[in-house]
Amino acid sequence: MLSLRPVLLEYGDYLCRRCLNRRYEVHLAHRDCRESPSPHPCPCCKKTGNVVTGLRMGGHIKLLRK
């Protein structure tokens, strides 16, 4: 997976980092992700927090194998 497009197609919105790590079995760190500036509810776990809206180079490399 090279981008977050499959997440958008499956869930309709961006997920929090916890749910991305659990769903795709990766270990994304805070520095691997671009998060929303304001809190939004995660469509997967329903918790309000900063959802991942993009990935930095390290995040792309980790998700490349998925």
C-alpha atoms as a PDB file:
ATOM      1  CA  MET A   1       0.000   0.000   0.000  1.00  0.00           C
ATOM      2  CA  LEU A   2       1.606   3.219  -1.115  1.00  0.00           C
ATOM      3  CA  SER A   3      -0.950   5.723   0.172  1.00  0.00           C
ATOM      4  CA  LEU A   4      -3.955   6.009   2.489  1.00  0.00           C
ATOM      5  CA  ARG A   5      -6.418   5.644  -0.400  1.00  0.00           C
ATOM      6  CA  PRO A   6      -7.471   2.060   0.605  1.00  0.00           C
ATOM      7  CA  VAL A   7      -8.285   3.358   4.092  1.00  0.00           C
ATOM      8  CA  LEU A   8     -10.479   6.091   2.636  1.00  0.00           C
ATOM      9  CA  LEU A   9     -12.280   3.617   0.374  1.00  0.00           C
ATOM     10  CA  GLU A  10     -12.876   1.103   3.176  1.00  0.00           C
ATOM     11  CA  TYR A  11     -13.790   3.426   6.066  1.00  0.00           C
ATOM     12  CA  GLY A  12     -14.813   6.625   4.279  1.00  0.00           C
ATOM     13  CA  ASP A  13     -12.498   8.739   6.421  1.00  0.00           C
ATOM     14  CA  TYR A  14      -9.024   8.732   7.944  1.00  0.00           C
ATOM     15  CA  LEU A  15      -8.179   6.548  10.956  1.00  0.00           C
ATOM     16  CA  CYS A  16      -6.204   7.215  14.107  1.00  0.00           C
ATOM     17  CA  ARG A  17      -2.652   5.869  14.311  1.00  0.00           C
ATOM     18  CA  ARG A  18      -3.673   3.175  16.806  1.00  0.00           C
ATOM     19  CA  CYS A  19      -6.257   1.743  14.410  1.00  0.00           C
ATOM     20  CA  LEU A  20      -3.881   1.942  11.434  1.00  0.00           C
ATOM     21  CA  ASN A  21      -1.245   0.014  13.391  1.00  0.00           C
ATOM     22  CA  ARG A  22      -3.759  -2.617  14.455  1.00  0.00           C
ATOM     23  CA  ARG A  23      -5.526  -2.969  11.093  1.00  0.00           C
ATOM     24  CA  TYR A  24      -2.458  -3.110   8.827  1.00  0.00           C
ATOM     25  CA  GLU A  25      -0.034  -4.654  11.364  1.00  0.00           C
ATOM     26  CA  VAL A  26       2.574  -1.893  11.085  1.00  0.00           C
ATOM     27  CA  HIS A  27       4.337   0.100  13.770  1.00  0.00           C
ATOM     28  CA  LEU A  28       3.823   3.714  12.709  1.00  0.00           C
ATOM     29  CA  ALA A  29       5.400   6.178  15.096  1.00  0.00           C
ATOM     30  CA  HIS A  30       4.269   9.753  15.631  1.00  0.00           C
ATOM     31  CA  ARG A  31       7.093  10.987  13.387  1.00  0.00           C
ATOM     32  CA  ASP A  32       5.889   8.759  10.481  1.00  0.00           C
ATOM     33  CA  CYS A  33       2.463  10.406  10.238  1.00  0.00           C
ATOM     34  CA  ARG A  34       0.871  13.735   9.443  1.00  0.00           C
ATOM     35  CA  GLU A  35      -2.063  14.225  11.765  1.00  0.00           C
ATOM     36  CA  SER A  36      -5.052  16.526  11.653  1.00  0.00           C
ATOM     37  CA  PRO A  37      -4.541  19.811  13.529  1.00  0.00           C
ATOM     38  CA  SER A  38      -7.832  19.462  15.387  1.00  0.00           C
ATOM     39  CA  PRO A  39      -9.385  16.378  17.024  1.00  0.00           C
ATOM     40  CA  HIS A  40     -11.823  14.287  14.980  1.00  0.00           C
ATOM     41  CA  PRO A  41     -13.580  11.012  15.822  1.00  0.00           C
ATOM     42  CA  CYS A  42     -11.953   7.912  14.379  1.00  0.00           C
ATOM     43  CA  PRO A  43     -14.521   5.930  12.323  1.00  0.00           C
ATOM     44  CA  CYS A  44     -13.024   2.632  13.495  1.00  0.00           C
ATOM     45  CA  CYS A  45     -12.688   2.980  17.292  1.00  0.00           C
ATOM     46  CA  LYS A  46     -15.007   6.013  17.722  1.00  0.00           C
ATOM     47  CA  LYS A  47     -12.479   7.787  19.991  1.00  0.00           C
ATOM     48  CA  THR A  48     -11.910  11.490  19.433  1.00  0.00           C
ATOM     49  CA  GLY A  49      -8.315  12.424  18.706  1.00  0.00           C
ATOM     50  CA  ASN A  50      -5.915  13.397  15.973  1.00  0.00           C
ATOM     51  CA  VAL A  51      -6.450  11.203  12.933  1.00  0.00           C
ATOM     52  CA  VAL A  52      -3.723  10.481  10.393  1.00  0.00           C
ATOM     53  CA  THR A  53      -4.280  12.525   7.228  1.00  0.00           C
ATOM     54  CA  GLY A  54      -0.982  11.794   5.524  1.00  0.00           C
ATOM     55  CA  LEU A  55       2.299   9.995   5.767  1.00  0.00           C
ATOM     56  CA  ARG A  56       5.884  11.130   5.818  1.00  0.00           C
ATOM     57  CA  MET A  57       8.634   9.217   4.021  1.00  0.00           C
ATOM     58  CA  GLY A  58       9.127   6.782   6.932  1.00  0.00           C
ATOM     59  CA  GLY A  59       5.414   5.969   6.978  1.00  0.00           C
ATOM     60  CA  HIS A  60       5.350   5.353   3.229  1.00  0.00           C
ATOM     61  CA  ILE A  61       8.290   2.974   3.544  1.00  0.00           C
ATOM     62  CA  LYS A  62       6.636   1.038   6.382  1.00  0.00           C
ATOM     63  CA  LEU A  63       3.314   0.738   4.504  1.00  0.00           C
ATOM     64  CA  LEU A  64       4.979  -0.137   1.196  1.00  0.00           C
ATOM     65  CA  ARG A  65       5.129  -3.808   2.134  1.00  0.00           C
ATOM     66  CA  LYS A  66       1.431  -3.977   3.093  1.00  0.00           C
END
